[in-house]
Amino acid sequence: MQRNLPTSDGALFRGTSVPIRSLFDFLRDNQTVETFLDYFPAIAPEQVLAVLTKSRDMLLNASLDSDNS
């Protein structure tokens, strides 16, 4: 992941101009990761896995933090 400014799309997949948000848009629209990778061939499957893993970890940590409040 990387953050290029001043884009309004937020974080990008490293080495691309593809916003990470695009992955979540695909998933929200019931598209598969495979479809996403076909549409954006410059993105490696490992990059998608890293984004999903980091997102999961952030959500779980946020949930734990809110439980401790």
C-alpha atoms as a PDB file:
ATOM      1  CA  MET A   1       0.000   0.000   0.000  1.00  0.00           C
ATOM      2  CA  GLN A   2       1.091   3.529  -0.538  1.00  0.00           C
ATOM      3  CA  ARG A   3      -0.348   6.980  -0.195  1.00  0.00           C
ATOM      4  CA  ASN A   4       0.171   9.441  -3.013  1.00  0.00           C
ATOM      5  CA  LEU A   5      -0.959  12.992  -2.467  1.00  0.00           C
ATOM      6  CA  PRO A   6      -2.909  14.985  -3.516  1.00  0.00           C
ATOM      7  CA  THR A   7      -5.232  12.286  -4.851  1.00  0.00           C
ATOM      8  CA  SER A   8      -8.728  12.265  -3.422  1.00  0.00           C
ATOM      9  CA  ASP A   9      -8.947   8.474  -3.772  1.00  0.00           C
ATOM     10  CA  GLY A  10      -6.822   7.747  -0.691  1.00  0.00           C
ATOM     11  CA  ALA A  11      -4.328   4.914  -0.468  1.00  0.00           C
ATOM     12  CA  LEU A  12      -3.240   3.175  -3.651  1.00  0.00           C
ATOM     13  CA  PHE A  13      -1.996  -0.296  -4.386  1.00  0.00           C
ATOM     14  CA  ARG A  14       1.803  -0.025  -4.448  1.00  0.00           C
ATOM     15  CA  GLY A  15       3.235   0.620  -7.890  1.00  0.00           C
ATOM     16  CA  THR A  16      -0.167   1.423  -9.398  1.00  0.00           C
ATOM     17  CA  SER A  17      -2.648   4.255  -9.598  1.00  0.00           C
ATOM     18  CA  VAL A  18      -5.442   1.916  -8.428  1.00  0.00           C
ATOM     19  CA  PRO A  19      -7.143   3.072  -5.233  1.00  0.00           C
ATOM     20  CA  ILE A  20      -7.520   0.406  -2.557  1.00  0.00           C
ATOM     21  CA  ARG A  21     -11.115   1.581  -2.300  1.00  0.00           C
ATOM     22  CA  SER A  22     -11.680  -0.048  -5.710  1.00  0.00           C
ATOM     23  CA  LEU A  23     -11.195  -3.487  -4.172  1.00  0.00           C
ATOM     24  CA  PHE A  24     -13.891  -2.832  -1.594  1.00  0.00           C
ATOM     25  CA  ASP A  25     -16.180  -1.391  -4.273  1.00  0.00           C
ATOM     26  CA  PHE A  26     -15.803  -4.612  -6.281  1.00  0.00           C
ATOM     27  CA  LEU A  27     -16.530  -6.751  -3.228  1.00  0.00           C
ATOM     28  CA  ARG A  28     -19.518  -4.600  -2.265  1.00  0.00           C
ATOM     29  CA  ASP A  29     -20.912  -5.139  -5.753  1.00  0.00           C
ATOM     30  CA  ASN A  30     -20.654  -8.932  -5.301  1.00  0.00           C
ATOM     31  CA  GLN A  31     -17.638  -9.243  -7.588  1.00  0.00           C
ATOM     32  CA  THR A  32     -14.911 -11.741  -6.748  1.00  0.00           C
ATOM     33  CA  VAL A  33     -11.272 -11.064  -5.989  1.00  0.00           C
ATOM     34  CA  GLU A  34     -10.480 -12.965  -9.180  1.00  0.00           C
ATOM     35  CA  THR A  35     -12.622 -10.530 -11.185  1.00  0.00           C
ATOM     36  CA  PHE A  36     -10.843  -7.615  -9.519  1.00  0.00           C
ATOM     37  CA  LEU A  37      -7.447  -9.094 -10.399  1.00  0.00           C
ATOM     38  CA  ASP A  38      -8.550  -9.696 -13.993  1.00  0.00           C
ATOM     39  CA  TYR A  39      -9.670  -6.067 -14.226  1.00  0.00           C
ATOM     40  CA  PHE A  40      -6.434  -4.759 -12.654  1.00  0.00           C
ATOM     41  CA  PRO A  41      -3.658  -7.119 -13.842  1.00  0.00           C
ATOM     42  CA  ALA A  42      -0.925  -4.895 -12.363  1.00  0.00           C
ATOM     43  CA  ILE A  43      -2.090  -5.873  -8.870  1.00  0.00           C
ATOM     44  CA  ALA A  44      -0.705  -9.106  -7.434  1.00  0.00           C
ATOM     45  CA  PRO A  45      -2.924 -11.474  -5.461  1.00  0.00           C
ATOM     46  CA  GLU A  46      -0.546 -11.006  -2.519  1.00  0.00           C
ATOM     47  CA  GLN A  47      -1.333  -7.282  -2.503  1.00  0.00           C
ATOM     48  CA  VAL A  48      -5.059  -7.992  -2.234  1.00  0.00           C
ATOM     49  CA  LEU A  49      -4.450 -10.470   0.560  1.00  0.00           C
ATOM     50  CA  ALA A  50      -2.309  -7.924   2.409  1.00  0.00           C
ATOM     51  CA  VAL A  51      -5.039  -5.265   2.154  1.00  0.00           C
ATOM     52  CA  LEU A  52      -7.755  -7.638   3.324  1.00  0.00           C
ATOM     53  CA  THR A  53      -5.617  -8.932   6.191  1.00  0.00           C
ATOM     54  CA  LYS A  54      -4.686  -5.432   7.359  1.00  0.00           C
ATOM     55  CA  SER A  55      -8.308  -4.299   7.110  1.00  0.00           C
ATOM     56  CA  ARG A  56      -9.483  -7.298   9.115  1.00  0.00           C
ATOM     57  CA  ASP A  57      -6.861  -6.677  11.778  1.00  0.00           C
ATOM     58  CA  MET A  58      -7.762  -2.987  12.010  1.00  0.00           C
ATOM     59  CA  LEU A  59     -11.457  -3.792  12.384  1.00  0.00           C
ATOM     60  CA  LEU A  60     -10.823  -6.421  15.022  1.00  0.00           C
ATOM     61  CA  ASN A  61      -8.538  -4.090  16.963  1.00  0.00           C
ATOM     62  CA  ALA A  62     -11.086  -1.280  16.747  1.00  0.00           C
ATOM     63  CA  SER A  63     -13.751  -3.628  18.034  1.00  0.00           C
ATOM     64  CA  LEU A  64     -11.554  -4.694  20.940  1.00  0.00           C
ATOM     65  CA  ASP A  65     -10.709  -1.067  21.736  1.00  0.00           C
ATOM     66  CA  SER A  66     -14.382  -0.105  21.829  1.00  0.00           C
ATOM     67  CA  ASP A  67     -15.144  -3.067  24.115  1.00  0.00           C
ATOM     68  CA  ASN A  68     -12.563  -1.786  26.592  1.00  0.00           C
ATOM     69  CA  SER A  69     -14.046   1.716  26.752  1.00  0.00           C
END
